[in-house]
Structure formats: structure tokens, C-alpha cells
C-alpha atoms as a PDB file:
ATOM      1  CA  MET A   1      91.859 145.808  57.738  1.00  0.00           C
ATOM      2  CA  MET A   2      88.244 146.621  58.206  1.00  0.00           C
ATOM      3  CA  PRO A   3      87.374 150.386  58.037  1.00  0.00           C
ATOM      4  CA  GLY A   4      86.688 151.799  61.493  1.00  0.00           C
ATOM      5  CA  ASN A   5      88.395 149.270  63.753  1.00  0.00           C
ATOM      6  CA  ASP A   6      91.815 147.697  64.115  1.00  0.00           C
ATOM      7  CA  VAL A   7      90.774 144.115  63.480  1.00  0.00           C
ATOM      8  CA  THR A   8      92.036 142.194  60.449  1.00  0.00           C
ATOM      9  CA  ASP A   9      89.808 140.179  58.191  1.00  0.00           C
ATOM     10  CA  ALA A  10      90.169 136.548  59.230  1.00  0.00           C
ATOM     11  CA  THR A  11      89.159 135.087  55.844  1.00  0.00           C
ATOM     12  CA  ARG A  12      92.306 136.164  53.980  1.00  0.00           C
ATOM     13  CA  GLN A  13      95.247 133.793  53.733  1.00  0.00           C
ATOM     14  CA  GLU A  14      98.830 134.793  53.986  1.00  0.00           C
ATOM     15  CA  ILE A  15     100.394 135.101  50.448  1.00  0.00           C
ATOM     16  CA  GLY A  16     103.814 133.721  49.717  1.00  0.00           C
ATOM     17  CA  GLN A  17     103.736 130.599  51.970  1.00  0.00           C
ATOM     18  CA  ARG A  18     103.761 128.035  49.215  1.00  0.00           C
ATOM     19  CA  GLY A  19     106.851 126.254  50.241  1.00  0.00           C
ATOM     20  CA  HIS A  20     109.661 126.652  52.784  1.00  0.00           C
ATOM     21  CA  TRP A  21     113.328 126.620  52.278  1.00  0.00           C
ATOM     22  CA  TYR A  22     115.224 123.723  53.860  1.00  0.00           C
ATOM     23  CA  LYS A  23     117.718 125.098  56.345  1.00  0.00           C
ATOM     24  CA  PRO A  24     120.505 122.599  57.017  1.00  0.00           C
ATOM     25  CA  ILE A  25     121.236 121.812  60.606  1.00  0.00           C
ATOM     26  CA  ARG A  26     124.700 121.821  62.173  1.00  0.00           C
ATOM     27  CA  CYS A  27     126.034 119.114  64.460  1.00  0.00           C
ATOM     28  CA  SER A  28     126.305 120.292  68.097  1.00  0.00           C
ATOM     29  CA  ILE A  29     129.806 118.774  68.386  1.00  0.00           C
ATOM     30  CA  CYS A  30     131.740 119.050  65.079  1.00  0.00           C
ATOM     31  CA  THR A  31     129.638 121.949  63.659  1.00  0.00           C
ATOM     32  CA  SER A  32     129.439 120.247  60.220  1.00  0.00           C
ATOM     33  CA  PHE A  33     126.233 120.442  58.253  1.00  0.00           C
ATOM     34  CA  ILE A  34     123.813 117.594  58.638  1.00  0.00           C
ATOM     35  CA  TRP A  35     121.912 117.230  55.298  1.00  0.00           C
ATOM     36  CA  VAL A  36     120.179 113.873  55.950  1.00  0.00           C
ATOM     37  CA  HIS A  37     118.843 112.329  59.182  1.00  0.00           C
ATOM     38  CA  PRO A  38     119.979 114.449  62.079  1.00  0.00           C
ATOM     39  CA  ILE A  39     120.034 112.574  65.406  1.00  0.00           C
ATOM     40  CA  THR A  40     118.414 114.449  68.285  1.00  0.00           C
ATOM     41  CA  LEU A  41     119.362 113.432  71.819  1.00  0.00           C
ATOM     42  CA  LYS A  42     117.622 114.709  75.024  1.00  0.00           C
ATOM     43  CA  GLU A  43     118.933 114.217  78.515  1.00  0.00           C
ATOM     44  CA  PRO A  44     116.887 111.913  80.702  1.00  0.00           C
ATOM     45  CA  VAL A  45     114.629 113.145  83.500  1.00  0.00           C
ATOM     46  CA  GLY A  46     116.945 112.501  86.442  1.00  0.00           C
ATOM     47  CA  VAL A  47     119.696 114.901  85.202  1.00  0.00           C
ATOM     48  CA  PRO A  48     120.113 118.260  87.116  1.00  0.00           C
ATOM     49  CA  GLU A  49     118.639 121.306  85.379  1.00  0.00           C
ATOM     50  CA  PRO A  50     118.982 122.599  82.745  1.00  0.00           C
ATOM     51  CA  ARG A  51     118.195 119.523  80.635  1.00  0.00           C
ATOM     52  CA  ARG A  52     119.967 119.868  77.332  1.00  0.00           C
ATOM     53  CA  GLU A  53     119.187 118.717  73.809  1.00  0.00           C
ATOM     54  CA  TRP A  54     121.789 117.980  71.090  1.00  0.00           C
ATOM     55  CA  VAL A  55     121.601 117.443  67.320  1.00  0.00           C
ATOM     56  CA  LEU A  56     124.301 115.075  66.119  1.00  0.00           C
ATOM     57  CA  CYS A  57     125.675 113.854  62.855  1.00  0.00           C
ATOM     58  CA  LYS A  58     126.245 110.076  62.373  1.00  0.00           C
ATOM     59  CA  PRO A  59     129.983 110.049  63.098  1.00  0.00           C
ATOM     60  CA  CYS A  60     129.566 112.052  66.268  1.00  0.00           C
ATOM     61  CA  ASN A  61     126.746 109.826  67.317  1.00  0.00           C
ATOM     62  CA  GLU A  62     128.748 106.661  66.784  1.00  0.00           C
ATOM     63  CA  SER A  63     131.674 108.020  68.808  1.00  0.00           C
ATOM     64  CA  LEU A  64     129.184 109.023  71.545  1.00  0.00           C
ATOM     65  CA  LEU A  65     127.818 105.426  71.626  1.00  0.00           C
ATOM     66  CA  VAL A  66     131.316 104.053  71.862  1.00  0.00           C
ATOM     67  CA  GLU A  67     132.196 106.393  74.732  1.00  0.00           C
ATOM     68  CA  MET A  68     128.939 105.463  76.518  1.00  0.00           C
ATOM     69  CA  ARG A  69     129.692 101.788  76.167  1.00  0.00           C
ATOM     70  CA  ARG A  70     133.178 102.410  77.642  1.00  0.00           C
ATOM     71  CA  SER A  71     131.864 104.342  80.601  1.00  0.00           C
ATOM     72  CA  SER A  72     131.398 102.595  83.904  1.00  0.00           C
ATOM     73  CA  ILE A  73     129.093 105.345  85.122  1.00  0.00           C
ATOM     74  CA  ARG A  74     125.411 104.378  85.164  1.00  0.00           C
ATOM     75  CA  SER A  75     123.801 107.589  86.360  1.00  0.00           C
ATOM     76  CA  PRO A  76     121.351 109.865  84.439  1.00  0.00           C
ATOM     77  CA  ALA A  77     124.291 112.219  83.910  1.00  0.00           C
ATOM     78  CA  CYS A  78     126.192 109.605  81.911  1.00  0.00           C
ATOM     79  CA  LEU A  79     125.051 111.112  78.635  1.00  0.00           C
ATOM     80  CA  ARG A  80     126.237 114.600  79.506  1.00  0.00           C
ATOM     81  CA  ILE A  81     129.684 113.256  80.623  1.00  0.00           C
ATOM     82  CA  ALA A  82     130.080 111.244  77.472  1.00  0.00           C
ATOM     83  CA  MET A  83     129.012 114.138  75.381  1.00  0.00           C
ATOM     84  CA  GLY A  84     131.664 116.263  76.962  1.00  0.00           C
ATOM     85  CA  LEU A  85     134.351 113.702  76.314  1.00  0.00           C
ATOM     86  CA  VAL A  86     133.309 113.344  72.670  1.00  0.00           C
ATOM     87  CA  ALA A  87     133.132 117.079  72.220  1.00  0.00           C
ATOM     88  CA  ALA A  88     136.681 117.424  73.755  1.00  0.00           C
ATOM     89  CA  GLU A  89     138.130 115.285  71.002  1.00  0.00           C
ATOM     90  CA  ARG A  90     135.916 116.036  67.958  1.00  0.00           C
ATOM     91  CA  SER A  91     135.155 119.764  68.311  1.00  0.00           C
ATOM     92  CA  PRO A  92     136.954 122.049  65.917  1.00  0.00           C
ATOM     93  CA  ASN A  93     137.877 124.341  68.840  1.00  0.00           C
ATOM     94  CA  ALA A  94     139.210 121.445  70.959  1.00  0.00           C
ATOM     95  CA  TYR A  95     142.734 121.587  69.573  1.00  0.00           C
ATOM     96  CA  THR A  96     143.952 125.048  68.704  1.00  0.00           C
ATOM     97  CA  MET A  97     147.186 125.613  66.822  1.00  0.00           C
ATOM     98  CA  SER A  98     150.003 127.386  68.690  1.00  0.00           C
ATOM     99  CA  THR A  99     150.090 131.115  68.131  1.00  0.00           C
ATOM    100  CA  PRO A 100     153.315 131.249  66.134  1.00  0.00           C
ATOM    101  CA  ILE A 101     152.065 128.715  63.625  1.00  0.00           C
ATOM    102  CA  ARG A 102     148.753 130.436  63.231  1.00  0.00           C
ATOM    103  CA  GLU A 103     150.492 133.860  62.802  1.00  0.00           C
ATOM    104  CA  LEU A 104     152.850 132.321  60.160  1.00  0.00           C
ATOM    105  CA  GLN A 105     149.947 130.937  58.209  1.00  0.00           C
ATOM    106  CA  GLU A 106     148.072 134.265  58.374  1.00  0.00           C
ATOM    107  CA  PHE A 107     151.271 136.062  57.219  1.00  0.00           C
ATOM    108  CA  GLN A 108     151.740 133.666  54.259  1.00  0.00           C
ATOM    109  CA  ARG A 109     148.077 134.133  53.227  1.00  0.00           C
ATOM    110  CA  GLU A 110     148.416 137.963  53.430  1.00  0.00           C
ATOM    111  CA  PHE A 111     151.680 137.884  51.652  1.00  0.00           C
ATOM    112  CA  ALA A 112     150.276 135.808  48.802  1.00  0.00           C
ATOM    113  CA  TRP A 113     147.392 138.344  48.322  1.00  0.00           C
ATOM    114  CA  GLY A 114     149.951 141.191  48.395  1.00  0.00           C
ATOM    115  CA  ILE A 115     151.956 139.541  45.605  1.00  0.00           C
ATOM    116  CA  ARG A 116     148.957 138.879  43.565  1.00  0.00           C
ATOM    117  CA  LEU A 117     147.804 142.525  43.897  1.00  0.00           C
ATOM    118  CA  LEU A 118     151.350 143.729  43.038  1.00  0.00           C
ATOM    119  CA  VAL A 119     151.431 141.552  39.876  1.00  0.00           C
ATOM    120  CA  LEU A 120     147.922 142.807  38.876  1.00  0.00           C
ATOM    121  CA  PHE A 121     149.057 146.483  39.444  1.00  0.00           C
ATOM    122  CA  ALA A 122     152.168 145.857  37.188  1.00  0.00           C
ATOM    123  CA  LEU A 123     150.108 144.267  34.434  1.00  0.00           C
ATOM    124  CA  LEU A 124     147.663 147.191  34.571  1.00  0.00           C
ATOM    125  CA  HIS A 125     150.492 149.697  34.048  1.00  0.00           C
ATOM    126  CA  LEU A 126     152.007 147.529  31.361  1.00  0.00           C
ATOM    127  CA  VAL A 127     148.635 147.661  29.504  1.00  0.00           C
ATOM    128  CA  ILE A 128     148.457 151.403  29.961  1.00  0.00           C
ATOM    129  CA  PHE A 129     152.017 151.873  28.539  1.00  0.00           C
ATOM    130  CA  VAL A 130     151.241 149.652  25.550  1.00  0.00           C
ATOM    131  CA  ILE A 131     148.085 151.646  24.773  1.00  0.00           C
ATOM    132  CA  LEU A 132     150.117 154.982  25.141  1.00  0.00           C
ATOM    133  CA  LEU A 133     152.789 153.726  22.762  1.00  0.00           C
ATOM    134  CA  ALA A 134     150.306 152.311  20.257  1.00  0.00           C
ATOM    135  CA  VAL A 135     148.420 155.586  19.874  1.00  0.00           C
ATOM    136  CA  PRO A 136     149.805 157.623  17.011  1.00  0.00           C
ATOM    137  CA  LYS A 137     150.838 161.187  17.824  1.00  0.00           C
END
């Protein structure tokens, strides 16, 4: 800053901008990371607002192309309809497990952690008893 006014000196460069970190992109449908060659799709001009944009991985893009070939609709909204159909079958949230199965899996996971902690607690006490018995009186 120059003394006397609130204007910064324009000749200085920002320090620390040598390189940028590559942030992987997620697929808009299956939410997996896309490390190489993301495919970006924009809706055509004739689609009702808001026009959307998607970033897809190769498997999702291939299934989208298959769905668009199967479709008999030839309107500008064809891409949005096909995208919805592909997302309905490929999205991780499309098929949820039933509640009892999910609760059983969560219980088994928590039970396994509880057993591990119980064994660790028992081993800790065993070590303490061995140390107390080994120390001469």
C-alpha cells in the first residue's frame, strides 16, 4: 500500500501462484471421480430455461448415447429426458436398500467396533497385570 491513500501498488505480483493443484471432477450422474477427459454436455438452445450443463464420465456418456439412440423423441428436450433415464439407473441414490437391511449392516459394523474395543481393553488390562506381577515388592 502506498502511504497516504488506500491504493495498492500495481507493479507487485502475487506471491505463491507458481502452480495450481489439480482438483478431480465428479461425474454428474454416478458421482465417481473423473481423472482423465471429462465430457461436458450443454443443453441445446431450444430447451426451456434453465439450460443445464453436465460433466460425465465415459461409462455414463456411453449409456447416455445408447439411451438417446433408443429414444423416439426428437425435440430439444431429448437430452434432458435421456439424462434423467440414465441417472435413474446409474445414480448411487437411485436404488436404496430397504431400511431393515441397512439397519442390520449398521448394527453389524458397530458391533464389530465394540468387540474390537473390548478386546483392546482386555489386552490393556492384561499388560497392566503382567507389569504389576513382574515388579518386585
